[in-house]
Amino acid sequence: MFNSNKYFFLAYGLVWISTSIAVSTAICITKSAIPLWTMFIPLFVNMSTGSKGN
């Protein structure tokens, strides 16, 4: 069980990290704070462990 949780947290953390890098780049390019709204995207990511049949 711990092994699958480790990968779950790693994947979810990578979603946040990649989104924050993209937002930081967009803020630097556009010189606007509007790309900060993109940080809400990872909140809607639904990840689950186990198979779909269970």
N, C-alpha and C. Protein backbone atom coordinates (compact mmCIF):
# COMPACT_ATOMS: atom_id res chain seq x y z
N MET A 1 0.82 -1.19 0.00
CA MET A 1 0.00 0.00 0.00
C MET A 1 0.87 1.26 0.00
N PHE A 2 1.95 1.26 0.75
CA PHE A 2 2.82 2.44 0.80
C PHE A 2 3.43 2.72 -0.56
N ASN A 3 3.77 1.68 -1.29
CA ASN A 3 4.41 1.86 -2.59
C ASN A 3 3.49 2.60 -3.56
N SER A 4 2.21 2.25 -3.61
CA SER A 4 1.28 2.92 -4.52
C SER A 4 1.02 4.35 -4.06
N ASN A 5 0.99 4.60 -2.74
CA ASN A 5 0.79 5.96 -2.25
C ASN A 5 1.96 6.86 -2.61
N LYS A 6 3.18 6.30 -2.61
CA LYS A 6 4.36 7.07 -2.95
C LYS A 6 4.25 7.59 -4.38
N TYR A 7 3.84 6.75 -5.30
CA TYR A 7 3.71 7.17 -6.70
C TYR A 7 2.55 8.13 -6.89
N PHE A 8 1.50 7.96 -6.10
CA PHE A 8 0.36 8.87 -6.17
C PHE A 8 0.80 10.28 -5.79
N PHE A 9 1.52 10.41 -4.66
CA PHE A 9 1.97 11.72 -4.23
C PHE A 9 3.00 12.31 -5.18
N LEU A 10 3.83 11.48 -5.76
CA LEU A 10 4.81 11.94 -6.73
C LEU A 10 4.10 12.50 -7.97
N ALA A 11 3.12 11.78 -8.48
CA ALA A 11 2.39 12.23 -9.66
C ALA A 11 1.62 13.52 -9.37
N TYR A 12 0.97 13.59 -8.23
CA TYR A 12 0.21 14.78 -7.88
C TYR A 12 1.14 15.98 -7.66
N GLY A 13 2.29 15.74 -7.06
CA GLY A 13 3.26 16.81 -6.87
C GLY A 13 3.81 17.32 -8.20
N LEU A 14 4.02 16.41 -9.13
CA LEU A 14 4.51 16.82 -10.46
C LEU A 14 3.49 17.67 -11.21
N VAL A 15 2.21 17.40 -10.98
CA VAL A 15 1.17 18.23 -11.60
C VAL A 15 1.28 19.66 -11.08
N TRP A 16 1.43 19.82 -9.78
CA TRP A 16 1.56 21.15 -9.19
C TRP A 16 2.84 21.85 -9.65
N ILE A 17 3.94 21.11 -9.68
CA ILE A 17 5.22 21.71 -10.07
C ILE A 17 5.20 22.15 -11.53
N SER A 18 4.70 21.30 -12.41
CA SER A 18 4.69 21.67 -13.83
C SER A 18 3.74 22.83 -14.09
N THR A 19 2.62 22.87 -13.37
CA THR A 19 1.69 23.99 -13.53
C THR A 19 2.32 25.28 -13.02
N SER A 20 3.02 25.21 -11.91
CA SER A 20 3.63 26.43 -11.38
C SER A 20 4.74 26.94 -12.28
N ILE A 21 5.49 26.05 -12.91
CA ILE A 21 6.52 26.48 -13.86
C ILE A 21 5.89 27.15 -15.07
N ALA A 22 4.80 26.57 -15.57
CA ALA A 22 4.12 27.16 -16.72
C ALA A 22 3.53 28.53 -16.37
N VAL A 23 2.97 28.66 -15.17
CA VAL A 23 2.40 29.95 -14.75
C VAL A 23 3.50 30.99 -14.56
N SER A 24 4.60 30.59 -13.96
CA SER A 24 5.71 31.53 -13.77
C SER A 24 6.24 32.03 -15.11
N THR A 25 6.36 31.14 -16.06
CA THR A 25 6.81 31.53 -17.40
C THR A 25 5.81 32.46 -18.06
N ALA A 26 4.53 32.15 -17.93
CA ALA A 26 3.50 33.00 -18.53
C ALA A 26 3.47 34.39 -17.90
N ILE A 27 3.70 34.47 -16.60
CA ILE A 27 3.74 35.77 -15.93
C ILE A 27 4.93 36.59 -16.43
N CYS A 28 6.07 35.93 -16.59
CA CYS A 28 7.25 36.64 -17.10
C CYS A 28 7.06 37.13 -18.53
N ILE A 29 6.39 36.34 -19.34
CA ILE A 29 6.20 36.72 -20.75
C ILE A 29 5.15 37.81 -20.89
N THR A 30 4.01 37.66 -20.20
CA THR A 30 2.91 38.60 -20.38
C THR A 30 2.99 39.81 -19.47
N LYS A 31 3.81 39.74 -18.41
CA LYS A 31 3.90 40.83 -17.42
C LYS A 31 2.53 41.14 -16.82
N SER A 32 1.74 40.09 -16.61
CA SER A 32 0.40 40.23 -16.07
C SER A 32 0.17 39.14 -15.03
N ALA A 33 -0.76 39.39 -14.12
CA ALA A 33 -1.08 38.39 -13.09
C ALA A 33 -2.24 37.49 -13.51
N ILE A 34 -2.77 37.69 -14.67
CA ILE A 34 -3.91 36.88 -15.13
C ILE A 34 -3.57 35.39 -15.21
N PRO A 35 -2.36 34.98 -15.60
CA PRO A 35 -2.06 33.54 -15.63
C PRO A 35 -2.13 32.84 -14.27
N LEU A 36 -2.21 33.60 -13.18
CA LEU A 36 -2.34 32.97 -11.86
C LEU A 36 -3.62 32.15 -11.74
N TRP A 37 -4.63 32.47 -12.52
CA TRP A 37 -5.87 31.69 -12.50
C TRP A 37 -5.63 30.25 -12.94
N THR A 38 -4.57 30.02 -13.68
CA THR A 38 -4.24 28.67 -14.13
C THR A 38 -3.86 27.76 -12.97
N MET A 39 -3.48 28.32 -11.84
CA MET A 39 -3.10 27.51 -10.69
C MET A 39 -4.29 26.73 -10.11
N PHE A 40 -5.50 27.04 -10.55
CA PHE A 40 -6.67 26.28 -10.10
C PHE A 40 -6.80 24.93 -10.81
N ILE A 41 -6.11 24.74 -11.92
CA ILE A 41 -6.23 23.50 -12.69
C ILE A 41 -5.90 22.26 -11.87
N PRO A 42 -4.79 22.23 -11.09
CA PRO A 42 -4.50 21.02 -10.32
C PRO A 42 -5.55 20.69 -9.26
N LEU A 43 -6.35 21.65 -8.86
CA LEU A 43 -7.40 21.36 -7.89
C LEU A 43 -8.46 20.43 -8.46
N PHE A 44 -8.60 20.44 -9.78
CA PHE A 44 -9.62 19.63 -10.43
C PHE A 44 -9.11 18.28 -10.93
N VAL A 45 -7.85 17.98 -10.64
CA VAL A 45 -7.28 16.70 -11.04
C VAL A 45 -7.76 15.63 -10.06
N ASN A 46 -8.36 14.58 -10.59
CA ASN A 46 -8.87 13.51 -9.76
C ASN A 46 -8.01 12.26 -9.98
N MET A 47 -7.29 11.86 -8.96
CA MET A 47 -6.46 10.67 -9.05
C MET A 47 -6.97 9.65 -8.04
N SER A 48 -6.95 8.41 -8.42
CA SER A 48 -7.37 7.35 -7.50
C SER A 48 -6.41 6.17 -7.63
N THR A 49 -6.29 5.43 -6.55
CA THR A 49 -5.47 4.23 -6.57
C THR A 49 -6.38 3.03 -6.67
N GLY A 50 -5.86 1.96 -7.20
CA GLY A 50 -6.65 0.75 -7.36
C GLY A 50 -7.19 0.63 -8.77
N SER A 51 -7.92 -0.44 -9.00
CA SER A 51 -8.48 -0.67 -10.33
C SER A 51 -9.89 -0.12 -10.41
N LYS A 52 -10.36 0.10 -11.62
CA LYS A 52 -11.70 0.66 -11.81
C LYS A 52 -12.80 -0.34 -11.44
N GLY A 53 -12.50 -1.59 -11.49
CA GLY A 53 -13.51 -2.60 -11.22
C GLY A 53 -13.86 -2.73 -9.74
N ASN A 54 -13.02 -2.23 -8.87
CA ASN A 54 -13.29 -2.38 -7.43
C ASN A 54 -14.06 -1.23 -6.90
